[in-house]
């Protein structure tokens, strides 16, 4: 019976995302023609972009800043829902992933890859990663419960360059619609701390946050990150619905932060 209701809830989640796309279409937002199949097969991937659309106009030129780009999968999927994307800046310290990024973005020309990790200081640091699951690569060590779930080995190490995001502020223009994505496996607070001047120009930030001690000797990132982001007028508004395999409750979530003036966009009458 429990499995039945779990499947029913999963189907409802897909239905809810499809209905949201219908509302967005009525508001003249661009929605891919195959959106139903995209949602049905991979709802946890595409809900990010669907939820961004109640705050943004995807028919205007947009710049994407992809921090923790890994193989460029987020950028690849972003383009499906934001076809007017003008430029993508990808930050990924694992330079051996460049070929996969280029393959994923082979149909998009205007992008740059920066092989640096993003933090609060310009330094060198050891990155620990698995060859076949590079998206789990981190400068930190997972706590026991999380590590046992991932069955994480991270038996490869590489010294990489860490840089402050503020070092790259000249690459963005104030008059552009800017979306920033941060997925840096526990390094969120440091990434924001070293990038407040850069991030103040963004309209929307989507970031993977932790709500408990996911990494050893590291506090849960959400509260501290939210305090920093408030200083530059970014507020949390949507907490994505995925990742309940370990617990019914969130240990990490993608959280969407928007400028204060955009908060009321969540009401149907506004989009």
Protein backbone atom coordinates (compact mmCIF):
# COMPACT_ATOMS: atom_id res chain seq x y z
CA UNK A 1 0.00 0.00 0.00
CA UNK A 2 2.85 2.39 0.87
CA UNK A 3 4.50 1.80 -2.52
CA UNK A 4 1.19 2.46 -4.26
CA UNK A 5 0.77 5.86 -2.58
CA UNK A 6 4.40 6.71 -3.27
CA UNK A 7 3.86 6.05 -6.98
CA UNK A 8 0.63 8.02 -6.86
CA UNK A 9 2.46 10.97 -5.32
CA UNK A 10 5.13 10.74 -8.03
CA UNK A 11 2.46 10.86 -10.74
CA UNK A 12 0.79 13.83 -9.05
CA UNK A 13 4.10 15.66 -9.03
CA UNK A 14 4.40 15.19 -12.78
CA UNK A 15 0.80 16.30 -13.28
CA UNK A 16 1.43 19.44 -11.21
CA UNK A 17 4.47 20.39 -13.32
CA UNK A 18 2.53 19.85 -16.54
CA UNK A 19 -0.30 22.07 -15.25
CA UNK A 20 2.27 24.72 -14.35
CA UNK A 21 3.59 24.62 -17.91
CA UNK A 22 0.05 25.16 -19.20
CA UNK A 23 -0.31 28.25 -17.01
CA UNK A 24 3.05 29.54 -18.23
CA UNK A 25 2.03 29.03 -21.87
CA UNK A 26 -1.08 31.13 -21.25
CA UNK A 27 1.23 33.82 -19.88
CA UNK A 28 3.12 33.72 -23.22
CA UNK A 29 6.22 32.06 -21.82
CA UNK A 30 8.08 29.75 -24.18
CA UNK A 31 7.55 26.07 -23.33
CA UNK A 32 9.25 23.26 -25.33
CA UNK A 33 6.83 21.31 -27.51
CA UNK A 34 7.91 18.04 -25.87
CA UNK A 35 7.54 19.36 -22.31
CA UNK A 36 5.19 16.56 -21.26
CA UNK A 37 7.66 13.82 -22.11
CA UNK A 38 10.52 15.77 -20.52
CA UNK A 39 8.56 16.09 -17.28
CA UNK A 40 7.28 12.53 -17.30
CA UNK A 41 10.71 10.94 -17.62
CA UNK A 42 12.85 13.39 -15.58
CA UNK A 43 10.72 15.68 -13.38
CA UNK A 44 13.53 16.34 -10.89
CA UNK A 45 15.67 17.85 -13.66
CA UNK A 46 13.09 20.04 -15.34
CA UNK A 47 11.22 21.39 -12.32
CA UNK A 48 14.13 23.80 -11.78
CA UNK A 49 13.55 25.51 -15.12
CA UNK A 50 9.76 25.42 -14.91
CA UNK A 51 9.83 27.16 -11.53
CA UNK A 52 12.26 29.78 -12.78
CA UNK A 53 9.75 30.80 -15.41
CA UNK A 54 7.24 32.41 -13.08
CA UNK A 55 9.94 35.02 -12.29
CA UNK A 56 11.65 35.41 -15.66
CA UNK A 57 10.79 36.09 -19.29
CA UNK A 58 12.54 33.39 -21.31
CA UNK A 59 11.93 35.25 -24.56
CA UNK A 60 14.55 37.90 -23.75
CA UNK A 61 18.32 37.66 -23.84
CA UNK A 62 19.61 35.82 -20.78
CA UNK A 63 23.06 35.11 -19.37
CA UNK A 64 23.58 31.90 -17.39
CA UNK A 65 26.36 31.57 -14.83
CA UNK A 66 26.86 27.84 -14.18
CA UNK A 67 29.02 27.38 -11.06
CA UNK A 68 29.91 23.74 -10.46
CA UNK A 69 29.13 22.95 -14.08
CA UNK A 70 30.46 19.37 -14.01
CA UNK A 71 29.76 18.05 -17.56
CA UNK A 72 27.46 20.94 -18.50
CA UNK A 73 24.21 19.03 -18.05
CA UNK A 74 22.44 21.91 -16.28
CA UNK A 75 23.43 24.34 -19.04
CA UNK A 76 22.32 21.86 -21.71
CA UNK A 77 18.87 21.50 -20.16
CA UNK A 78 18.59 25.22 -19.39
CA UNK A 79 18.74 25.94 -23.12
CA UNK A 80 15.60 23.85 -23.69
CA UNK A 81 13.55 26.26 -21.59
CA UNK A 82 15.57 29.43 -22.24
CA UNK A 83 16.17 29.39 -26.02
CA UNK A 84 17.04 33.11 -26.01
CA UNK A 85 20.10 32.47 -23.87
CA UNK A 86 22.80 34.80 -25.13
CA UNK A 87 25.81 33.60 -23.17
CA UNK A 88 26.87 30.92 -20.68
CA UNK A 89 29.82 31.11 -18.30
CA UNK A 90 30.74 27.73 -16.83
CA UNK A 91 32.98 27.32 -13.79
CA UNK A 92 34.29 23.79 -13.27
CA UNK A 93 37.64 22.94 -11.61
CA UNK A 94 37.86 19.45 -13.16
CA UNK A 95 39.44 20.33 -16.51
CA UNK A 96 39.25 16.71 -17.70
CA UNK A 97 35.47 17.31 -18.05
CA UNK A 98 35.90 20.03 -20.69
CA UNK A 99 35.38 17.60 -23.58
CA UNK A 100 32.03 16.46 -22.15
CA UNK A 101 30.96 20.07 -21.60
CA UNK A 102 31.80 20.89 -25.21
CA UNK A 103 29.86 17.86 -26.41
CA UNK A 104 26.78 18.88 -24.42
CA UNK A 105 26.97 22.44 -25.74
CA UNK A 106 27.92 21.58 -29.32
CA UNK A 107 24.78 23.32 -30.63
CA UNK A 108 25.45 26.50 -28.66
CA UNK A 109 28.37 28.72 -29.57
CA UNK A 110 28.65 31.53 -27.05
CA UNK A 111 30.06 29.99 -23.90
CA UNK A 112 33.29 30.04 -21.89
CA UNK A 113 34.71 27.43 -19.53
CA UNK A 114 36.75 28.53 -16.53
CA UNK A 115 38.62 25.65 -14.88
CA UNK A 116 38.55 27.03 -11.37
CA UNK A 117 36.64 26.24 -8.21
CA UNK A 118 34.72 29.17 -6.74
CA UNK A 119 35.42 30.13 -3.11
CA UNK A 120 36.22 33.04 -0.79
CA UNK A 121 39.97 33.17 -1.45
CA UNK A 122 42.41 32.79 -4.32
CA UNK A 123 44.23 29.58 -3.44
CA UNK A 124 45.02 25.97 -4.34
CA UNK A 125 42.99 23.14 -2.86
CA UNK A 126 42.70 19.36 -3.18
CA UNK A 127 39.51 18.14 -4.84
CA UNK A 128 38.32 14.58 -4.08
CA UNK A 129 36.19 12.89 -6.72
CA UNK A 130 35.02 9.61 -8.23
CA UNK A 131 35.88 8.90 -11.84
CA UNK A 132 32.35 7.78 -12.74
CA UNK A 133 30.43 10.22 -10.50
CA UNK A 134 32.32 13.47 -10.84
CA UNK A 135 29.23 15.43 -9.76
CA UNK A 136 29.92 14.24 -6.20
CA UNK A 137 33.42 15.72 -6.22
CA UNK A 138 34.05 17.95 -3.21
CA UNK A 139 36.69 19.79 -1.22
CA UNK A 140 34.96 18.44 1.90
CA UNK A 141 34.30 15.01 3.42
CA UNK A 142 30.75 13.70 3.67
CA UNK A 143 29.24 12.84 7.03
CA UNK A 144 28.79 9.12 7.75
CA UNK A 145 25.04 8.88 7.01
CA UNK A 146 25.32 10.73 3.71
CA UNK A 147 28.44 8.87 2.68
CA UNK A 148 26.84 5.47 3.31
CA UNK A 149 23.88 6.47 1.14
CA UNK A 150 26.04 7.61 -1.76
CA UNK A 151 28.47 4.71 -1.21
CA UNK A 152 30.96 7.42 -1.98
CA UNK A 153 34.58 6.54 -2.61
CA UNK A 154 36.04 9.80 -3.95
CA UNK A 155 39.34 7.95 -4.33
CA UNK A 156 40.77 10.34 -6.92
CA UNK A 157 42.39 13.62 -5.94
CA UNK A 158 43.48 16.63 -7.93
CA UNK A 159 44.95 19.97 -6.90
CA UNK A 160 42.85 22.72 -8.41
CA UNK A 161 42.75 26.50 -8.43
CA UNK A 162 40.16 28.29 -6.29
CA UNK A 163 39.15 31.83 -7.21
CA UNK A 164 36.67 34.41 -5.96
CA UNK A 165 33.66 34.96 -8.20
CA UNK A 166 34.14 38.70 -7.77
CA UNK A 167 37.31 38.35 -9.87
CA UNK A 168 35.03 37.82 -12.88
CA UNK A 169 32.62 40.72 -12.35
CA UNK A 170 33.74 42.44 -15.54
CA UNK A 171 32.30 39.54 -17.57
CA UNK A 172 28.66 40.44 -16.86
CA UNK A 173 26.59 43.43 -17.88
CA UNK A 174 24.10 45.10 -15.56
CA UNK A 175 21.41 45.43 -18.22
CA UNK A 176 21.12 41.69 -18.91
CA UNK A 177 18.78 39.13 -17.37
CA UNK A 178 21.15 36.99 -15.32
CA UNK A 179 20.55 33.54 -13.84
CA UNK A 180 23.14 32.00 -11.52
CA UNK A 181 23.27 28.31 -10.58
CA UNK A 182 25.53 27.11 -7.75
CA UNK A 183 26.11 23.41 -7.07
CA UNK A 184 29.45 23.06 -5.31
CA UNK A 185 28.99 20.21 -2.82
CA UNK A 186 29.18 22.02 0.51
CA UNK A 187 31.24 25.01 -0.67
CA UNK A 188 28.16 27.23 -1.15
CA UNK A 189 28.85 29.68 1.66
CA UNK A 190 32.43 30.30 0.55
CA UNK A 191 31.32 30.71 -3.07
CA UNK A 192 28.80 33.38 -2.10
CA UNK A 193 31.12 35.10 0.37
CA UNK A 194 33.68 35.60 -2.40
CA UNK A 195 31.09 36.68 -4.95
CA UNK A 196 28.73 39.24 -3.42
CA UNK A 197 29.74 42.01 -5.85
CA UNK A 198 29.16 39.66 -8.78
CA UNK A 199 25.91 38.17 -7.46
CA UNK A 200 24.25 41.52 -6.77
CA UNK A 201 23.69 41.81 -10.52
CA UNK A 202 21.79 38.52 -10.85
CA UNK A 203 17.99 38.33 -10.99
CA UNK A 204 17.61 34.73 -9.90
CA UNK A 205 19.93 32.32 -8.11
CA UNK A 206 19.30 28.59 -7.88
CA UNK A 207 21.54 26.82 -5.40
CA UNK A 208 21.83 23.39 -3.83
CA UNK A 209 21.75 24.00 -0.05
CA UNK A 210 22.18 21.70 2.93
CA UNK A 211 19.82 21.72 5.92
CA UNK A 212 21.88 19.53 8.23
CA UNK A 213 25.54 18.64 8.73
CA UNK A 214 26.02 16.99 5.36
CA UNK A 215 29.79 17.55 5.40
CA UNK A 216 32.26 17.09 8.25
CA UNK A 217 33.28 20.22 10.15
CA UNK A 218 30.89 22.30 8.06
CA UNK A 219 27.64 23.92 9.15
CA UNK A 220 24.40 23.45 7.16
CA UNK A 221 24.72 25.97 4.37
CA UNK A 222 21.18 27.27 3.92
CA UNK A 223 20.86 29.63 6.90
CA UNK A 224 24.30 31.18 6.52
CA UNK A 225 23.91 31.57 2.75
CA UNK A 226 20.47 33.15 3.13
CA UNK A 227 21.88 35.71 5.57
CA UNK A 228 24.59 36.69 3.09
CA UNK A 229 22.25 36.82 0.11
CA UNK A 230 19.78 39.06 1.94
CA UNK A 231 22.52 41.72 1.97
CA UNK A 232 22.30 41.88 -1.83
CA UNK A 233 18.49 41.73 -1.98
CA UNK A 234 18.11 38.01 -2.79
CA UNK A 235 15.45 36.05 -0.90
CA UNK A 236 14.55 32.32 -0.86
CA UNK A 237 11.13 31.63 -2.39
CA UNK A 238 10.96 28.05 -3.78
CA UNK A 239 12.36 24.85 -2.25
CA UNK A 240 12.46 22.10 -4.84
CA UNK A 241 10.69 18.81 -4.16
CA UNK A 242 13.15 15.95 -4.56
CA UNK A 243 15.62 13.81 -2.64
CA UNK A 244 13.52 11.93 -0.09
CA UNK A 245 15.26 8.58 -0.46
CA UNK A 246 17.17 8.90 2.82
CA UNK A 247 14.41 10.67 4.75
CA UNK A 248 10.94 12.12 4.28
CA UNK A 249 12.51 15.45 5.17
CA UNK A 250 15.08 17.51 3.33
CA UNK A 251 18.78 17.16 4.00
CA UNK A 252 19.51 19.16 0.87
CA UNK A 253 17.41 20.97 -1.70
CA UNK A 254 17.73 23.20 -4.72
CA UNK A 255 16.53 26.57 -3.46
CA UNK A 256 15.51 29.42 -5.74
CA UNK A 257 16.44 32.91 -4.53
CA UNK A 258 15.05 35.99 -6.29
CA UNK A 259 15.28 39.75 -5.99
CA UNK A 260 12.83 41.09 -3.43
CA UNK A 261 10.85 42.90 -6.14
CA UNK A 262 10.17 39.53 -7.82
CA UNK A 263 8.77 37.68 -4.80
CA UNK A 264 5.11 38.43 -5.63
CA UNK A 265 5.56 36.83 -9.05
CA UNK A 266 4.53 33.49 -7.54
CA UNK A 267 0.85 34.51 -7.74
CA UNK A 268 -0.99 33.27 -10.84
CA UNK A 269 -2.25 36.74 -11.72
CA UNK A 270 1.35 37.89 -12.22
CA UNK A 271 2.42 35.29 -14.77
